[in-house]
């Protein structure tokens, strides 16, 4: 498959995400593969790939699509504090779920999605799809682009943090 192997000399393979029974790649990875494939195609294949490229740009640049994306992102950002407070209250959390360090002010912690919004948008507002961790850890996860359970699990192992959150996390 081109998305796994890439096109030698043009583009490397890309990472995929599995959601349910389907495999997804990002839009930027997709269009990168289309662009690279255009460089190696001729005839009808070129026309077809140009059509796919034009359709992709038309869809992604459409004002309604942009509005939906922006609205969704703003909703998630507004709800992050609500999710944090709800999780803290529901689970009676008084300590960072990674370090077990006690916190006395909710401003010191963040709600971190276990499965990131981009990878699993259906769980974006699910209070059980998150952990309460110190803000500095959340910032580091973000800078490392860790956005899924496997990445978080590896991160906490490397840092020798508590495994309780992982034992309690239910992946559907």
C-alpha atoms as a PDB file:
ATOM      1  CA  UNK A   1       0.000   0.000   0.000  1.00  0.00           C
ATOM      2  CA  UNK A   2       1.340   3.413  -0.952  1.00  0.00           C
ATOM      3  CA  UNK A   3       0.360   5.038   2.345  1.00  0.00           C
ATOM      4  CA  UNK A   4       2.409   2.469   4.301  1.00  0.00           C
ATOM      5  CA  UNK A   5       5.448   2.234   2.020  1.00  0.00           C
ATOM      6  CA  UNK A   6       5.510   5.695   0.482  1.00  0.00           C
ATOM      7  CA  UNK A   7       7.000   6.309  -2.947  1.00  0.00           C
ATOM      8  CA  UNK A   8      10.778   5.808  -2.970  1.00  0.00           C
ATOM      9  CA  UNK A   9      12.572   8.995  -3.925  1.00  0.00           C
ATOM     10  CA  UNK A  10       9.435  11.113  -3.440  1.00  0.00           C
ATOM     11  CA  UNK A  11       7.740  10.545  -0.100  1.00  0.00           C
ATOM     12  CA  UNK A  12       8.055   8.190   2.883  1.00  0.00           C
ATOM     13  CA  UNK A  13       5.214   6.105   4.255  1.00  0.00           C
ATOM     14  CA  UNK A  14       2.835   7.734   6.692  1.00  0.00           C
ATOM     15  CA  UNK A  15       1.396   6.756  10.055  1.00  0.00           C
ATOM     16  CA  UNK A  16      -2.185   5.618  10.154  1.00  0.00           C
ATOM     17  CA  UNK A  17      -4.800   5.633  12.874  1.00  0.00           C
ATOM     18  CA  UNK A  18      -7.344   2.910  13.389  1.00  0.00           C
ATOM     19  CA  UNK A  19     -10.784   4.012  14.504  1.00  0.00           C
ATOM     20  CA  UNK A  20     -13.236   1.176  14.768  1.00  0.00           C
ATOM     21  CA  UNK A  21     -12.719  -1.075  11.763  1.00  0.00           C
ATOM     22  CA  UNK A  22     -11.360   1.698   9.536  1.00  0.00           C
ATOM     23  CA  UNK A  23      -7.847   2.986   8.902  1.00  0.00           C
ATOM     24  CA  UNK A  24      -7.279   6.741   8.549  1.00  0.00           C
ATOM     25  CA  UNK A  25      -4.399   9.002   7.596  1.00  0.00           C
ATOM     26  CA  UNK A  26      -4.269  12.762   7.985  1.00  0.00           C
ATOM     27  CA  UNK A  27      -5.386  15.044   5.178  1.00  0.00           C
ATOM     28  CA  UNK A  28      -1.891  16.491   4.836  1.00  0.00           C
ATOM     29  CA  UNK A  29      -0.399  12.997   4.532  1.00  0.00           C
ATOM     30  CA  UNK A  30      -3.055  12.080   1.969  1.00  0.00           C
ATOM     31  CA  UNK A  31      -2.437  15.115  -0.211  1.00  0.00           C
ATOM     32  CA  UNK A  32       1.327  14.603   0.114  1.00  0.00           C
ATOM     33  CA  UNK A  33       0.933  11.095  -1.254  1.00  0.00           C
ATOM     34  CA  UNK A  34      -1.302  12.354  -4.067  1.00  0.00           C
ATOM     35  CA  UNK A  35       1.272  15.029  -4.961  1.00  0.00           C
ATOM     36  CA  UNK A  36       4.089  12.477  -4.965  1.00  0.00           C
ATOM     37  CA  UNK A  37       2.045  10.025  -7.025  1.00  0.00           C
ATOM     38  CA  UNK A  38       1.337  12.789  -9.545  1.00  0.00           C
ATOM     39  CA  UNK A  39       5.088  13.081 -10.080  1.00  0.00           C
ATOM     40  CA  UNK A  40       5.264   9.443 -11.157  1.00  0.00           C
ATOM     41  CA  UNK A  41       2.062   9.092 -13.179  1.00  0.00           C
ATOM     42  CA  UNK A  42       1.173   9.525 -16.829  1.00  0.00           C
ATOM     43  CA  UNK A  43      -1.963   9.534 -18.963  1.00  0.00           C
ATOM     44  CA  UNK A  44      -5.334   8.800 -17.419  1.00  0.00           C
ATOM     45  CA  UNK A  45      -3.773   8.259 -13.984  1.00  0.00           C
ATOM     46  CA  UNK A  46      -2.519  11.843 -14.011  1.00  0.00           C
ATOM     47  CA  UNK A  47      -5.977  13.174 -14.866  1.00  0.00           C
ATOM     48  CA  UNK A  48      -7.573  11.069 -12.151  1.00  0.00           C
ATOM     49  CA  UNK A  49      -5.043  12.202  -9.534  1.00  0.00           C
ATOM     50  CA  UNK A  50      -5.502  15.841 -10.563  1.00  0.00           C
ATOM     51  CA  UNK A  51      -9.245  15.380 -10.110  1.00  0.00           C
ATOM     52  CA  UNK A  52      -8.711  13.873  -6.625  1.00  0.00           C
ATOM     53  CA  UNK A  53      -6.362  16.731  -5.721  1.00  0.00           C
ATOM     54  CA  UNK A  54      -8.838  19.380  -6.913  1.00  0.00           C
ATOM     55  CA  UNK A  55     -11.703  17.681  -5.034  1.00  0.00           C
ATOM     56  CA  UNK A  56      -9.650  17.544  -1.831  1.00  0.00           C
ATOM     57  CA  UNK A  57      -8.744  21.244  -2.007  1.00  0.00           C
ATOM     58  CA  UNK A  58     -12.329  22.207  -2.866  1.00  0.00           C
ATOM     59  CA  UNK A  59     -13.736  20.306   0.088  1.00  0.00           C
ATOM     60  CA  UNK A  60     -11.132  21.412   2.638  1.00  0.00           C
ATOM     61  CA  UNK A  61     -11.278  25.059   1.618  1.00  0.00           C
ATOM     62  CA  UNK A  62     -15.067  25.285   1.574  1.00  0.00           C
ATOM     63  CA  UNK A  63     -16.257  27.919   4.103  1.00  0.00           C
ATOM     64  CA  UNK A  64     -18.808  25.580   5.704  1.00  0.00           C
ATOM     65  CA  UNK A  65     -16.181  22.897   6.309  1.00  0.00           C
ATOM     66  CA  UNK A  66     -13.837  25.475   7.817  1.00  0.00           C
ATOM     67  CA  UNK A  67     -16.665  26.815  10.013  1.00  0.00           C
ATOM     68  CA  UNK A  68     -17.512  23.322  11.293  1.00  0.00           C
ATOM     69  CA  UNK A  69     -13.852  22.581  12.043  1.00  0.00           C
ATOM     70  CA  UNK A  70     -13.344  25.897  13.870  1.00  0.00           C
ATOM     71  CA  UNK A  71     -16.592  25.486  15.825  1.00  0.00           C
ATOM     72  CA  UNK A  72     -15.652  21.947  16.838  1.00  0.00           C
ATOM     73  CA  UNK A  73     -12.191  23.024  18.007  1.00  0.00           C
ATOM     74  CA  UNK A  74     -13.625  25.976  19.966  1.00  0.00           C
ATOM     75  CA  UNK A  75     -16.218  23.708  21.600  1.00  0.00           C
ATOM     76  CA  UNK A  76     -13.519  21.273  22.682  1.00  0.00           C
ATOM     77  CA  UNK A  77     -11.371  24.070  24.096  1.00  0.00           C
ATOM     78  CA  UNK A  78     -14.327  25.554  26.003  1.00  0.00           C
ATOM     79  CA  UNK A  79     -15.271  22.133  27.340  1.00  0.00           C
ATOM     80  CA  UNK A  80     -11.739  21.215  28.468  1.00  0.00           C
ATOM     81  CA  UNK A  81     -12.215  23.051  31.801  1.00  0.00           C
ATOM     82  CA  UNK A  82     -15.636  21.470  32.216  1.00  0.00           C
ATOM     83  CA  UNK A  83     -14.201  18.025  31.506  1.00  0.00           C
ATOM     84  CA  UNK A  84     -11.379  18.646  33.985  1.00  0.00           C
ATOM     85  CA  UNK A  85     -13.740  19.765  36.749  1.00  0.00           C
ATOM     86  CA  UNK A  86     -16.209  16.964  36.034  1.00  0.00           C
ATOM     87  CA  UNK A  87     -13.507  14.264  36.081  1.00  0.00           C
ATOM     88  CA  UNK A  88     -12.007  15.655  39.303  1.00  0.00           C
ATOM     89  CA  UNK A  89     -15.447  15.649  40.938  1.00  0.00           C
ATOM     90  CA  UNK A  90     -16.622  12.263  39.600  1.00  0.00           C
ATOM     91  CA  UNK A  91     -13.425  10.430  40.498  1.00  0.00           C
ATOM     92  CA  UNK A  92     -12.610  12.525  43.595  1.00  0.00           C
ATOM     93  CA  UNK A  93      -9.159  13.267  42.180  1.00  0.00           C
ATOM     94  CA  UNK A  94      -6.748  15.194  44.390  1.00  0.00           C
ATOM     95  CA  UNK A  95      -3.493  13.969  42.828  1.00  0.00           C
ATOM     96  CA  UNK A  96      -1.946  13.963  39.377  1.00  0.00           C
ATOM     97  CA  UNK A  97      -2.890  10.638  37.802  1.00  0.00           C
ATOM     98  CA  UNK A  98       0.666  10.171  36.488  1.00  0.00           C
ATOM     99  CA  UNK A  99       2.929  11.385  39.295  1.00  0.00           C
ATOM    100  CA  UNK A 100       0.555  10.970  42.237  1.00  0.00           C
ATOM    101  CA  UNK A 101       1.606  14.482  43.277  1.00  0.00           C
ATOM    102  CA  UNK A 102      -1.107  16.187  45.286  1.00  0.00           C
ATOM    103  CA  UNK A 103      -2.504  19.455  43.952  1.00  0.00           C
ATOM    104  CA  UNK A 104      -4.433  22.064  45.908  1.00  0.00           C
ATOM    105  CA  UNK A 105      -5.461  24.212  42.945  1.00  0.00           C
ATOM    106  CA  UNK A 106      -7.156  22.954  39.768  1.00  0.00           C
ATOM    107  CA  UNK A 107      -5.146  25.500  37.767  1.00  0.00           C
ATOM    108  CA  UNK A 108      -2.091  23.306  38.310  1.00  0.00           C
ATOM    109  CA  UNK A 109      -3.607  20.390  36.368  1.00  0.00           C
ATOM    110  CA  UNK A 110      -5.090  19.725  32.951  1.00  0.00           C
ATOM    111  CA  UNK A 111      -7.535  17.277  31.445  1.00  0.00           C
ATOM    112  CA  UNK A 112      -5.497  15.294  28.917  1.00  0.00           C
ATOM    113  CA  UNK A 113      -7.348  13.262  26.317  1.00  0.00           C
ATOM    114  CA  UNK A 114      -6.097   9.670  26.293  1.00  0.00           C
ATOM    115  CA  UNK A 115      -7.208   9.270  22.688  1.00  0.00           C
ATOM    116  CA  UNK A 116      -6.648  12.640  21.048  1.00  0.00           C
ATOM    117  CA  UNK A 117      -9.385  14.721  19.500  1.00  0.00           C
ATOM    118  CA  UNK A 118      -7.891  14.382  16.011  1.00  0.00           C
ATOM    119  CA  UNK A 119      -7.686  10.602  16.286  1.00  0.00           C
ATOM    120  CA  UNK A 120     -11.000   9.938  17.982  1.00  0.00           C
ATOM    121  CA  UNK A 121     -13.315  12.956  17.676  1.00  0.00           C
ATOM    122  CA  UNK A 122     -16.311  10.960  18.912  1.00  0.00           C
ATOM    123  CA  UNK A 123     -14.657  10.720  22.343  1.00  0.00           C
ATOM    124  CA  UNK A 124     -13.567  14.362  22.478  1.00  0.00           C
ATOM    125  CA  UNK A 125     -16.189  15.266  25.087  1.00  0.00           C
ATOM    126  CA  UNK A 126     -16.068  11.951  26.978  1.00  0.00           C
ATOM    127  CA  UNK A 127     -14.903  12.539  30.551  1.00  0.00           C
ATOM    128  CA  UNK A 128     -13.670   8.931  30.675  1.00  0.00           C
ATOM    129  CA  UNK A 129     -11.337   9.568  27.725  1.00  0.00           C
ATOM    130  CA  UNK A 130      -8.972  11.591  29.848  1.00  0.00           C
ATOM    131  CA  UNK A 131      -6.678  11.830  32.791  1.00  0.00           C
ATOM    132  CA  UNK A 132      -5.950  14.663  35.195  1.00  0.00           C
ATOM    133  CA  UNK A 133      -2.251  15.444  35.045  1.00  0.00           C
ATOM    134  CA  UNK A 134       0.024  18.285  36.025  1.00  0.00           C
ATOM    135  CA  UNK A 135       0.033  21.152  33.546  1.00  0.00           C
ATOM    136  CA  UNK A 136       3.782  20.756  32.872  1.00  0.00           C
ATOM    137  CA  UNK A 137       3.267  17.078  31.921  1.00  0.00           C
ATOM    138  CA  UNK A 138       0.353  18.011  29.662  1.00  0.00           C
ATOM    139  CA  UNK A 139       2.532  20.630  27.980  1.00  0.00           C
ATOM    140  CA  UNK A 140       5.281  18.055  27.443  1.00  0.00           C
ATOM    141  CA  UNK A 141       2.858  15.492  25.987  1.00  0.00           C
ATOM    142  CA  UNK A 142       1.584  18.186  23.635  1.00  0.00           C
ATOM    143  CA  UNK A 143       5.076  19.213  22.551  1.00  0.00           C
ATOM    144  CA  UNK A 144       5.974  15.555  21.942  1.00  0.00           C
ATOM    145  CA  UNK A 145       2.726  15.174  19.957  1.00  0.00           C
ATOM    146  CA  UNK A 146       1.600  12.247  22.069  1.00  0.00           C
ATOM    147  CA  UNK A 147      -2.085  11.869  21.281  1.00  0.00           C
ATOM    148  CA  UNK A 148      -3.073   8.304  22.018  1.00  0.00           C
ATOM    149  CA  UNK A 149      -3.141   5.643  24.710  1.00  0.00           C
ATOM    150  CA  UNK A 150      -0.046   3.829  23.397  1.00  0.00           C
ATOM    151  CA  UNK A 151       1.981   7.036  23.374  1.00  0.00           C
ATOM    152  CA  UNK A 152       0.849   7.999  26.870  1.00  0.00           C
ATOM    153  CA  UNK A 153       1.580   4.523  28.161  1.00  0.00           C
ATOM    154  CA  UNK A 154       5.092   4.583  26.715  1.00  0.00           C
ATOM    155  CA  UNK A 155       5.642   8.094  28.113  1.00  0.00           C
ATOM    156  CA  UNK A 156       4.572   7.131  31.635  1.00  0.00           C
ATOM    157  CA  UNK A 157       6.788   3.997  31.522  1.00  0.00           C
ATOM    158  CA  UNK A 158       9.816   6.053  30.455  1.00  0.00           C
ATOM    159  CA  UNK A 159       9.201   8.473  33.306  1.00  0.00           C
ATOM    160  CA  UNK A 160       8.348   5.749  35.843  1.00  0.00           C
ATOM    161  CA  UNK A 161       4.970   7.287  36.653  1.00  0.00           C
ATOM    162  CA  UNK A 162       2.004   5.552  38.250  1.00  0.00           C
ATOM    163  CA  UNK A 163       0.216   2.884  36.201  1.00  0.00           C
ATOM    164  CA  UNK A 164      -3.119   3.245  37.993  1.00  0.00           C
ATOM    165  CA  UNK A 165      -4.579   5.493  35.272  1.00  0.00           C
ATOM    166  CA  UNK A 166      -3.761   2.881  32.604  1.00  0.00           C
ATOM    167  CA  UNK A 167      -5.267   0.062  34.634  1.00  0.00           C
ATOM    168  CA  UNK A 168      -8.471   2.060  35.062  1.00  0.00           C
ATOM    169  CA  UNK A 169      -8.678   3.305  31.494  1.00  0.00           C
ATOM    170  CA  UNK A 170     -11.283   1.523  29.408  1.00  0.00           C
ATOM    171  CA  UNK A 171     -10.634   1.555  25.677  1.00  0.00           C
ATOM    172  CA  UNK A 172     -13.748   0.894  23.631  1.00  0.00           C
END
